[in-house]
Amino acid sequence: MAADWPAAEVEVCSGWRLAWSEGVTRRANSAVRLEAAAPVEAVEEYYRERGAEPCVQIWPGDEELDARLALRGYDAQGHTQAMVRDLGEHPPGADGAGAAVAPRPHGAWRALWSDAGQPAERVPALHRILDRAPAVGYGLHHTGGARGCVVVDGAWAGVYAMVTRPSERGRGRARAVLEALLGWARAQGAAHSYLLVEQGNAAAVRVYERAGFAAECAYHYRVDSGARRGGAPASRSAAAAVGRSGQEGA
C-alpha cells in the first residue's frame, strides 16, 4: 500500500522504513518496522530532524512493539479498518452512472478538500502525493457533491480521498463515485480493491459494506509529541487526508 500513497522521501535504515512528506497525512509520514530488533531511537532521530513527531504504524503482529511504544509515552491514534473487495466476485455495477472519472482532478474535485477538513495550505502537498502514485483516476459525482480517487498498482486498486458534502449525504453520491472509480480501476487491470476507514465511522463502514467491501485487518499509529523529552515539533503529522470523510489518510 505504500506505493499507492507514496511519500516524498523514504529511507530504509536501522530496521525501519522511514517516510516523510511535509507532515501531511500519517501514512506518508510514519515508520514501519522491518526487523524485530529495530531501535526506536532511529525513528525518533529521523522525525525530530524534520521537526515532526515520531510516528509508527502498528499492524497485526506488532503487539510487542505497540506495548513498548506505549511504555515510552507514545499515544495510540488513527485506529483504522482496512476493507477489501474482489472485483471479480463483486464487479463494479451500474450505480456508478452518476459519476465520471478523469486522469486529473477538476476544480470541483479540489474544492471538496475543505469539506474533508483540510486547510488550504495542505492541499498542494496532498496533490504532490497523488502525483507520485502509479496510476490515478479522479472520480466526481455530476452534482459536484461527492468525490474520490483510486490508485492502481498492478492487480490492486486503493480507494482514497472519498468526500461527500454534508448536504449530499444519504443520496447515494458516494456509492456512485465508488462504483465509477472501481470500474475505471478494473479497466486498468485491477482485480482487487481496498480502502481504509476510521474504525469509529460506522456510517462510512455501512456504505462500504453495502458496496461489497469486507473487513480485512485493523491498524493504528503510535505517536510521540516529544513533550515528555522537552521536544518542540513544528507541526503534528497526525492530520488525516480525508478526516471527515471517514477515510484514513492514508
C-alpha atoms as a PDB file:
ATOM      1  CA  MET A   1       0.000   0.000   0.000  1.00  0.00           C
ATOM      2  CA  ALA A   2       2.972   2.328   0.420  1.00  0.00           C
ATOM      3  CA  ALA A   3       3.274   2.630  -3.374  1.00  0.00           C
ATOM      4  CA  ASP A   4      -0.336   3.823  -3.596  1.00  0.00           C
ATOM      5  CA  TRP A   5       0.208   6.756  -1.219  1.00  0.00           C
ATOM      6  CA  PRO A   6       3.893   7.463  -1.861  1.00  0.00           C
ATOM      7  CA  ALA A   7       5.972   9.635   0.411  1.00  0.00           C
ATOM      8  CA  ALA A   8       8.296  12.308  -0.926  1.00  0.00           C
ATOM      9  CA  GLU A   9      11.207  10.820   0.983  1.00  0.00           C
ATOM     10  CA  VAL A  10      11.763   7.199   2.026  1.00  0.00           C
ATOM     11  CA  GLU A  11      14.746   5.776   3.880  1.00  0.00           C
ATOM     12  CA  VAL A  12      15.298   2.159   4.838  1.00  0.00           C
ATOM     13  CA  CYS A  13      17.762   2.001   7.701  1.00  0.00           C
ATOM     14  CA  SER A  14      18.260   0.503  11.157  1.00  0.00           C
ATOM     15  CA  GLY A  15      15.459  -1.993  10.525  1.00  0.00           C
ATOM     16  CA  TRP A  16      12.830   0.641   9.658  1.00  0.00           C
ATOM     17  CA  ARG A  17      11.123   2.040   6.580  1.00  0.00           C
ATOM     18  CA  LEU A  18      11.000   5.775   7.338  1.00  0.00           C
ATOM     19  CA  ALA A  19       8.736   8.050   5.277  1.00  0.00           C
ATOM     20  CA  TRP A  20       8.350  11.818   5.147  1.00  0.00           C
ATOM     21  CA  SER A  21       6.018  14.050   3.093  1.00  0.00           C
ATOM     22  CA  GLU A  22       5.951  17.552   4.519  1.00  0.00           C
ATOM     23  CA  GLY A  23       3.979  16.379   7.557  1.00  0.00           C
ATOM     24  CA  VAL A  24       0.796  15.801   5.512  1.00  0.00           C
ATOM     25  CA  THR A  25      -1.127  12.584   6.381  1.00  0.00           C
ATOM     26  CA  ARG A  26       0.043   9.939   8.820  1.00  0.00           C
ATOM     27  CA  ARG A  27       0.615   7.228   6.232  1.00  0.00           C
ATOM     28  CA  ALA A  28       3.144   9.303   4.297  1.00  0.00           C
ATOM     29  CA  ASN A  29       4.880  10.498   7.479  1.00  0.00           C
ATOM     30  CA  SER A  30       5.327   7.368   9.560  1.00  0.00           C
ATOM     31  CA  ALA A  31       7.667   4.468  10.148  1.00  0.00           C
ATOM     32  CA  VAL A  32       7.111   0.762   9.501  1.00  0.00           C
ATOM     33  CA  ARG A  33       9.210  -1.749  11.403  1.00  0.00           C
ATOM     34  CA  LEU A  34      11.031  -4.222   9.142  1.00  0.00           C
ATOM     35  CA  GLU A  35      13.139  -6.038  11.740  1.00  0.00           C
ATOM     36  CA  ALA A  36      12.148  -7.216  15.209  1.00  0.00           C
ATOM     37  CA  ALA A  37      15.190  -5.653  16.880  1.00  0.00           C
ATOM     38  CA  ALA A  38      14.878  -2.273  15.140  1.00  0.00           C
ATOM     39  CA  PRO A  39      15.721   0.510  17.639  1.00  0.00           C
ATOM     40  CA  VAL A  40      13.014   3.085  18.314  1.00  0.00           C
ATOM     41  CA  GLU A  41      15.704   5.740  18.712  1.00  0.00           C
ATOM     42  CA  ALA A  42      16.287   5.643  14.934  1.00  0.00           C
ATOM     43  CA  VAL A  43      12.660   6.678  14.352  1.00  0.00           C
ATOM     44  CA  GLU A  44      12.870   9.450  16.918  1.00  0.00           C
ATOM     45  CA  GLU A  45      16.046  10.895  15.436  1.00  0.00           C
ATOM     46  CA  TYR A  46      14.686  10.790  11.865  1.00  0.00           C
ATOM     47  CA  TYR A  47      11.461  12.665  12.585  1.00  0.00           C
ATOM     48  CA  ARG A  48      12.879  15.149  15.048  1.00  0.00           C
ATOM     49  CA  GLU A  49      15.488  16.153  12.465  1.00  0.00           C
ATOM     50  CA  ARG A  50      12.482  17.154  10.322  1.00  0.00           C
ATOM     51  CA  GLY A  51      10.675  18.978  13.098  1.00  0.00           C
ATOM     52  CA  ALA A  52       7.962  16.317  13.279  1.00  0.00           C
ATOM     53  CA  GLU A  53       6.539  13.894  15.800  1.00  0.00           C
ATOM     54  CA  PRO A  54       7.872  10.336  15.703  1.00  0.00           C
ATOM     55  CA  CYS A  55       5.015   8.239  14.288  1.00  0.00           C
ATOM     56  CA  VAL A  56       4.962   4.434  13.917  1.00  0.00           C
ATOM     57  CA  GLN A  57       2.445   2.226  12.106  1.00  0.00           C
ATOM     58  CA  ILE A  58       1.178  -0.681  14.212  1.00  0.00           C
ATOM     59  CA  TRP A  59      -0.118  -3.662  12.222  1.00  0.00           C
ATOM     60  CA  PRO A  60      -1.246  -7.152  13.282  1.00  0.00           C
ATOM     61  CA  GLY A  61       1.822  -8.909  14.662  1.00  0.00           C
ATOM     62  CA  ASP A  62       3.253  -5.694  16.127  1.00  0.00           C
ATOM     63  CA  GLU A  63       1.767  -6.203  19.593  1.00  0.00           C
ATOM     64  CA  GLU A  64       5.144  -6.223  21.342  1.00  0.00           C
ATOM     65  CA  LEU A  65       6.173  -3.022  19.564  1.00  0.00           C
ATOM     66  CA  ASP A  66       2.835  -1.433  20.435  1.00  0.00           C
ATOM     67  CA  ALA A  67       3.336  -2.191  24.131  1.00  0.00           C
ATOM     68  CA  ARG A  68       6.927  -0.954  24.054  1.00  0.00           C
ATOM     69  CA  LEU A  69       5.950   2.357  22.483  1.00  0.00           C
ATOM     70  CA  ALA A  70       3.122   2.797  24.986  1.00  0.00           C
ATOM     71  CA  LEU A  71       5.659   2.463  27.795  1.00  0.00           C
ATOM     72  CA  ARG A  72       7.769   5.161  26.112  1.00  0.00           C
ATOM     73  CA  GLY A  73       4.808   7.550  26.231  1.00  0.00           C
ATOM     74  CA  TYR A  74       3.567   7.203  22.654  1.00  0.00           C
ATOM     75  CA  ASP A  75      -0.164   7.806  22.191  1.00  0.00           C
ATOM     76  CA  ALA A  76      -2.386   5.451  20.181  1.00  0.00           C
ATOM     77  CA  GLN A  77      -4.030   7.367  17.325  1.00  0.00           C
ATOM     78  CA  GLY A  78      -5.721   6.830  13.973  1.00  0.00           C
ATOM     79  CA  HIS A  79      -7.386   3.462  14.561  1.00  0.00           C
ATOM     80  CA  THR A  80      -8.226   2.329  11.044  1.00  0.00           C
ATOM     81  CA  GLN A  81     -10.003  -0.589   9.384  1.00  0.00           C
ATOM     82  CA  ALA A  82      -8.678  -1.954   6.093  1.00  0.00           C
ATOM     83  CA  MET A  83     -11.506  -3.301   3.906  1.00  0.00           C
ATOM     84  CA  VAL A  84     -11.200  -5.294   0.676  1.00  0.00           C
ATOM     85  CA  ARG A  85     -13.391  -6.198  -2.287  1.00  0.00           C
ATOM     86  CA  ASP A  86     -12.754  -8.717  -5.048  1.00  0.00           C
ATOM     87  CA  LEU A  87     -13.634  -7.057  -8.348  1.00  0.00           C
ATOM     88  CA  GLY A  88     -14.302 -10.426  -9.965  1.00  0.00           C
ATOM     89  CA  GLU A  89     -16.772 -11.610  -7.338  1.00  0.00           C
ATOM     90  CA  HIS A  90     -18.264  -8.118  -6.921  1.00  0.00           C
ATOM     91  CA  PRO A  91     -17.775  -6.332 -10.258  1.00  0.00           C
ATOM     92  CA  PRO A  92     -18.479  -2.594 -10.414  1.00  0.00           C
ATOM     93  CA  GLY A  93     -22.147  -2.006 -11.176  1.00  0.00           C
ATOM     94  CA  ALA A  94     -24.468   0.489 -12.810  1.00  0.00           C
ATOM     95  CA  ASP A  95     -24.562   2.554  -9.609  1.00  0.00           C
ATOM     96  CA  GLY A  96     -21.570   4.438 -10.982  1.00  0.00           C
ATOM     97  CA  ALA A  97     -23.580   6.027 -13.793  1.00  0.00           C
ATOM     98  CA  GLY A  98     -23.884   9.329 -11.923  1.00  0.00           C
ATOM     99  CA  ALA A  99     -20.128   9.903 -11.697  1.00  0.00           C
ATOM    100  CA  ALA A 100     -17.225  10.312 -14.090  1.00  0.00           C
ATOM    101  CA  VAL A 101     -13.519   9.516 -13.736  1.00  0.00           C
ATOM    102  CA  ALA A 102     -10.764  11.746 -15.126  1.00  0.00           C
ATOM    103  CA  PRO A 103      -6.954  11.453 -15.170  1.00  0.00           C
ATOM    104  CA  ARG A 104      -6.560  14.833 -13.464  1.00  0.00           C
ATOM    105  CA  PRO A 105      -8.578  16.463 -10.660  1.00  0.00           C
ATOM    106  CA  HIS A 106     -11.044  19.152 -11.762  1.00  0.00           C
ATOM    107  CA  GLY A 107     -11.513  22.356  -9.802  1.00  0.00           C
ATOM    108  CA  ALA A 108     -14.740  20.959  -8.329  1.00  0.00           C
ATOM    109  CA  TRP A 109     -12.805  17.890  -7.160  1.00  0.00           C
ATOM    110  CA  ARG A 110     -10.198  20.054  -5.446  1.00  0.00           C
ATOM    111  CA  ALA A 111     -12.875  22.247  -3.862  1.00  0.00           C
ATOM    112  CA  LEU A 112     -14.067  19.346  -1.709  1.00  0.00           C
ATOM    113  CA  TRP A 113     -10.854  19.284   0.319  1.00  0.00           C
ATOM    114  CA  SER A 114     -12.421  21.896   2.585  1.00  0.00           C
ATOM    115  CA  ASP A 115     -15.323  19.510   3.284  1.00  0.00           C
ATOM    116  CA  ALA A 116     -12.690  16.936   4.263  1.00  0.00           C
ATOM    117  CA  GLY A 117     -11.396  19.313   6.921  1.00  0.00           C
ATOM    118  CA  GLN A 118      -8.128  20.038   5.127  1.00  0.00           C
ATOM    119  CA  PRO A 119      -6.649  23.546   5.439  1.00  0.00           C
ATOM    120  CA  ALA A 120      -5.921  25.155   2.068  1.00  0.00           C
ATOM    121  CA  GLU A 121      -2.177  25.232   2.763  1.00  0.00           C
ATOM    122  CA  ARG A 122      -2.056  21.420   2.968  1.00  0.00           C
ATOM    123  CA  VAL A 123      -3.784  20.770  -0.361  1.00  0.00           C
ATOM    124  CA  PRO A 124      -0.708  21.220  -2.626  1.00  0.00           C
ATOM    125  CA  ALA A 125       1.216  18.626  -0.591  1.00  0.00           C
ATOM    126  CA  LEU A 126      -1.705  16.192  -0.835  1.00  0.00           C
ATOM    127  CA  HIS A 127      -1.719  16.548  -4.612  1.00  0.00           C
ATOM    128  CA  ARG A 128       2.027  16.012  -4.746  1.00  0.00           C
ATOM    129  CA  ILE A 129       1.483  12.661  -3.000  1.00  0.00           C
ATOM    130  CA  LEU A 130      -1.095  11.659  -5.621  1.00  0.00           C
ATOM    131  CA  ASP A 131       1.148  12.868  -8.455  1.00  0.00           C
ATOM    132  CA  ARG A 132       3.766  10.321  -7.332  1.00  0.00           C
ATOM    133  CA  ALA A 133       1.310   7.399  -7.424  1.00  0.00           C
ATOM    134  CA  PRO A 134       1.473   4.803 -10.257  1.00  0.00           C
ATOM    135  CA  ALA A 135      -1.909   5.486 -11.937  1.00  0.00           C
ATOM    136  CA  VAL A 136      -4.681   7.644 -10.510  1.00  0.00           C
ATOM    137  CA  GLY A 137      -8.304   8.136 -11.520  1.00  0.00           C
ATOM    138  CA  TYR A 138     -10.246  11.047 -10.021  1.00  0.00           C
ATOM    139  CA  GLY A 139     -13.972  10.429  -9.615  1.00  0.00           C
ATOM    140  CA  LEU A 140     -16.541  13.212  -9.248  1.00  0.00           C
ATOM    141  CA  HIS A 141     -20.329  12.998  -8.969  1.00  0.00           C
ATOM    142  CA  HIS A 142     -22.127  15.067 -11.586  1.00  0.00           C
ATOM    143  CA  THR A 143     -23.639  17.224  -8.812  1.00  0.00           C
ATOM    144  CA  GLY A 144     -20.171  18.089  -7.525  1.00  0.00           C
ATOM    145  CA  GLY A 145     -21.284  16.843  -4.117  1.00  0.00           C
ATOM    146  CA  ALA A 146     -19.042  13.782  -3.791  1.00  0.00           C
ATOM    147  CA  ARG A 147     -15.647  12.705  -4.989  1.00  0.00           C
ATOM    148  CA  GLY A 148     -12.824  10.224  -4.507  1.00  0.00           C
ATOM    149  CA  CYS A 149      -9.789   8.812  -6.245  1.00  0.00           C
ATOM    150  CA  VAL A 150      -8.383   5.381  -6.975  1.00  0.00           C
ATOM    151  CA  VAL A 151      -4.733   4.381  -7.331  1.00  0.00           C
ATOM    152  CA  VAL A 152      -3.951   1.280  -9.393  1.00  0.00           C
ATOM    153  CA  ASP A 153      -0.753  -0.637  -8.722  1.00  0.00           C
ATOM    154  CA  GLY A 154      -0.710  -3.977 -10.520  1.00  0.00           C
ATOM    155  CA  ALA A 155      -3.687  -6.133  -9.534  1.00  0.00           C
ATOM    156  CA  TRP A 156      -4.675  -3.898  -6.619  1.00  0.00           C
ATOM    157  CA  ALA A 157      -6.659  -0.675  -6.549  1.00  0.00           C
ATOM    158  CA  GLY A 158      -6.659   1.564  -3.482  1.00  0.00           C
ATOM    159  CA  VAL A 159      -9.569   3.958  -2.956  1.00  0.00           C
ATOM    160  CA  TYR A 160      -8.675   7.247  -1.272  1.00  0.00           C
ATOM    161  CA  ALA A 161      -9.915  10.763  -0.562  1.00  0.00           C
ATOM    162  CA  MET A 162     -13.613   9.892  -0.517  1.00  0.00           C
ATOM    163  CA  VAL A 163     -15.570  13.005   0.473  1.00  0.00           C
ATOM    164  CA  THR A 164     -19.296  13.789   0.418  1.00  0.00           C
ATOM    165  CA  ARG A 165     -20.697  17.216   1.203  1.00  0.00           C
ATOM    166  CA  PRO A 166     -22.923  17.086   4.297  1.00  0.00           C
ATOM    167  CA  SER A 167     -25.895  18.350   2.268  1.00  0.00           C
ATOM    168  CA  GLU A 168     -25.462  15.486  -0.226  1.00  0.00           C
ATOM    169  CA  ARG A 169     -25.190  12.590   2.210  1.00  0.00           C
ATOM    170  CA  GLY A 170     -27.697   9.757   2.153  1.00  0.00           C
ATOM    171  CA  ARG A 171     -28.405  10.181  -1.576  1.00  0.00           C
ATOM    172  CA  GLY A 172     -26.094   7.526  -2.990  1.00  0.00           C
ATOM    173  CA  ARG A 173     -23.491  10.039  -4.178  1.00  0.00           C
ATOM    174  CA  ALA A 174     -20.537   8.268  -2.556  1.00  0.00           C
ATOM    175  CA  ARG A 175     -21.669   4.870  -3.871  1.00  0.00           C
ATOM    176  CA  ALA A 176     -21.884   6.270  -7.406  1.00  0.00           C
ATOM    177  CA  VAL A 177     -18.366   7.678  -7.190  1.00  0.00           C
ATOM    178  CA  LEU A 178     -17.052   4.446  -5.669  1.00  0.00           C
ATOM    179  CA  GLU A 179     -18.511   2.243  -8.427  1.00  0.00           C
ATOM    180  CA  ALA A 180     -17.227   4.585 -11.137  1.00  0.00           C
ATOM    181  CA  LEU A 181     -13.741   4.503  -9.625  1.00  0.00           C
ATOM    182  CA  LEU A 182     -13.709   0.716  -9.372  1.00  0.00           C
ATOM    183  CA  GLY A 183     -14.975   0.381 -12.940  1.00  0.00           C
ATOM    184  CA  TRP A 184     -12.088   2.556 -14.096  1.00  0.00           C
ATOM    185  CA  ALA A 185      -9.628   0.547 -11.979  1.00  0.00           C
ATOM    186  CA  ARG A 186     -10.857  -2.746 -13.385  1.00  0.00           C
ATOM    187  CA  ALA A 187     -10.348  -1.391 -16.898  1.00  0.00           C
ATOM    188  CA  GLN A 188      -6.724  -0.673 -15.899  1.00  0.00           C
ATOM    189  CA  GLY A 189      -6.261  -4.329 -14.920  1.00  0.00           C
ATOM    190  CA  ALA A 190      -7.076  -4.277 -11.201  1.00  0.00           C
ATOM    191  CA  ALA A 191      -8.632  -7.457  -9.803  1.00  0.00           C
ATOM    192  CA  HIS A 192      -8.889  -6.479  -6.141  1.00  0.00           C
ATOM    193  CA  SER A 193      -9.593  -3.257  -4.287  1.00  0.00           C
ATOM    194  CA  TYR A 194      -9.114  -1.940  -0.787  1.00  0.00           C
ATOM    195  CA  LEU A 195      -9.870   1.164   1.216  1.00  0.00           C
ATOM    196  CA  LEU A 196      -9.097   2.480   4.677  1.00  0.00           C
ATOM    197  CA  VAL A 197     -11.779   3.807   7.010  1.00  0.00           C
ATOM    198  CA  GLU A 198     -11.697   5.172  10.536  1.00  0.00           C
ATOM    199  CA  GLN A 199     -12.959   2.499  12.919  1.00  0.00           C
ATOM    200  CA  GLY A 200     -15.313   4.892  14.673  1.00  0.00           C
ATOM    201  CA  ASN A 201     -17.101   5.942  11.481  1.00  0.00           C
ATOM    202  CA  ALA A 202     -19.977   3.459  11.497  1.00  0.00           C
ATOM    203  CA  ALA A 203     -21.862   5.271   8.725  1.00  0.00           C
ATOM    204  CA  ALA A 204     -18.933   5.018   6.314  1.00  0.00           C
ATOM    205  CA  VAL A 205     -18.371   1.357   7.201  1.00  0.00           C
ATOM    206  CA  ARG A 206     -22.021   0.604   6.368  1.00  0.00           C
ATOM    207  CA  VAL A 207     -21.697   2.326   2.989  1.00  0.00           C
ATOM    208  CA  TYR A 208     -18.638   0.264   2.120  1.00  0.00           C
ATOM    209  CA  GLU A 209     -20.150  -2.988   3.371  1.00  0.00           C
ATOM    210  CA  ARG A 210     -23.195  -2.423   1.165  1.00  0.00           C
ATOM    211  CA  ALA A 211     -20.779  -1.878  -1.711  1.00  0.00           C
ATOM    212  CA  GLY A 212     -19.271  -5.343  -1.184  1.00  0.00           C
ATOM    213  CA  PHE A 213     -16.253  -4.481   0.963  1.00  0.00           C
ATOM    214  CA  ALA A 214     -15.373  -6.696   3.932  1.00  0.00           C
ATOM    215  CA  ALA A 215     -13.087  -6.065   6.895  1.00  0.00           C
ATOM    216  CA  GLU A 216      -9.589  -7.452   6.363  1.00  0.00           C
ATOM    217  CA  CYS A 217      -7.499  -6.155   9.278  1.00  0.00           C
ATOM    218  CA  ALA A 218      -7.050  -3.162  11.554  1.00  0.00           C
ATOM    219  CA  TYR A 219      -4.071  -0.978  12.306  1.00  0.00           C
ATOM    220  CA  HIS A 220      -3.238   2.207  14.173  1.00  0.00           C
ATOM    221  CA  TYR A 221      -0.382   4.556  14.910  1.00  0.00           C
ATOM    222  CA  ARG A 222       1.766   5.296  17.927  1.00  0.00           C
ATOM    223  CA  VAL A 223       2.759   8.964  18.065  1.00  0.00           C
ATOM    224  CA  ASP A 224       5.141  10.752  20.430  1.00  0.00           C
ATOM    225  CA  SER A 225       4.583  14.512  20.682  1.00  0.00           C
ATOM    226  CA  GLY A 226       8.033  14.974  22.186  1.00  0.00           C
ATOM    227  CA  ALA A 227       6.661  16.808  25.233  1.00  0.00           C
ATOM    228  CA  ARG A 228       7.968  14.129  27.602  1.00  0.00           C
ATOM    229  CA  ARG A 229      11.536  14.814  26.478  1.00  0.00           C
ATOM    230  CA  GLY A 230      11.086  18.545  26.022  1.00  0.00           C
ATOM    231  CA  GLY A 231      10.865  18.392  22.222  1.00  0.00           C
ATOM    232  CA  ALA A 232       9.143  21.121  20.220  1.00  0.00           C
ATOM    233  CA  PRO A 233       7.827  19.619  16.970  1.00  0.00           C
ATOM    234  CA  ALA A 234       6.912  22.142  14.293  1.00  0.00           C
ATOM    235  CA  SER A 235       3.609  20.522  13.447  1.00  0.00           C
ATOM    236  CA  ARG A 236       1.501  17.467  14.055  1.00  0.00           C
ATOM    237  CA  SER A 237       1.767  14.821  11.349  1.00  0.00           C
ATOM    238  CA  ALA A 238      -1.440  13.216  12.581  1.00  0.00           C
ATOM    239  CA  ALA A 239      -3.851  15.024  10.267  1.00  0.00           C
ATOM    240  CA  ALA A 240      -5.787  12.524   8.146  1.00  0.00           C
ATOM    241  CA  ALA A 241      -6.033  13.133   4.415  1.00  0.00           C
ATOM    242  CA  VAL A 242      -9.753  12.900   4.494  1.00  0.00           C
ATOM    243  CA  GLY A 243     -10.617  13.206   8.156  1.00  0.00           C
ATOM    244  CA  ARG A 244     -14.309  13.965   7.894  1.00  0.00           C
ATOM    245  CA  SER A 245     -14.981  11.616   5.001  1.00  0.00           C
ATOM    246  CA  GLY A 246     -14.456   8.551   7.175  1.00  0.00           C
ATOM    247  CA  GLN A 247     -11.273   7.505   5.397  1.00  0.00           C
ATOM    248  CA  GLU A 248      -7.819   7.377   6.892  1.00  0.00           C
ATOM    249  CA  GLY A 249      -5.177   9.388   5.180  1.00  0.00           C
ATOM    250  CA  ALA A 250      -3.919   7.371   4.039  1.00  0.00           C
END
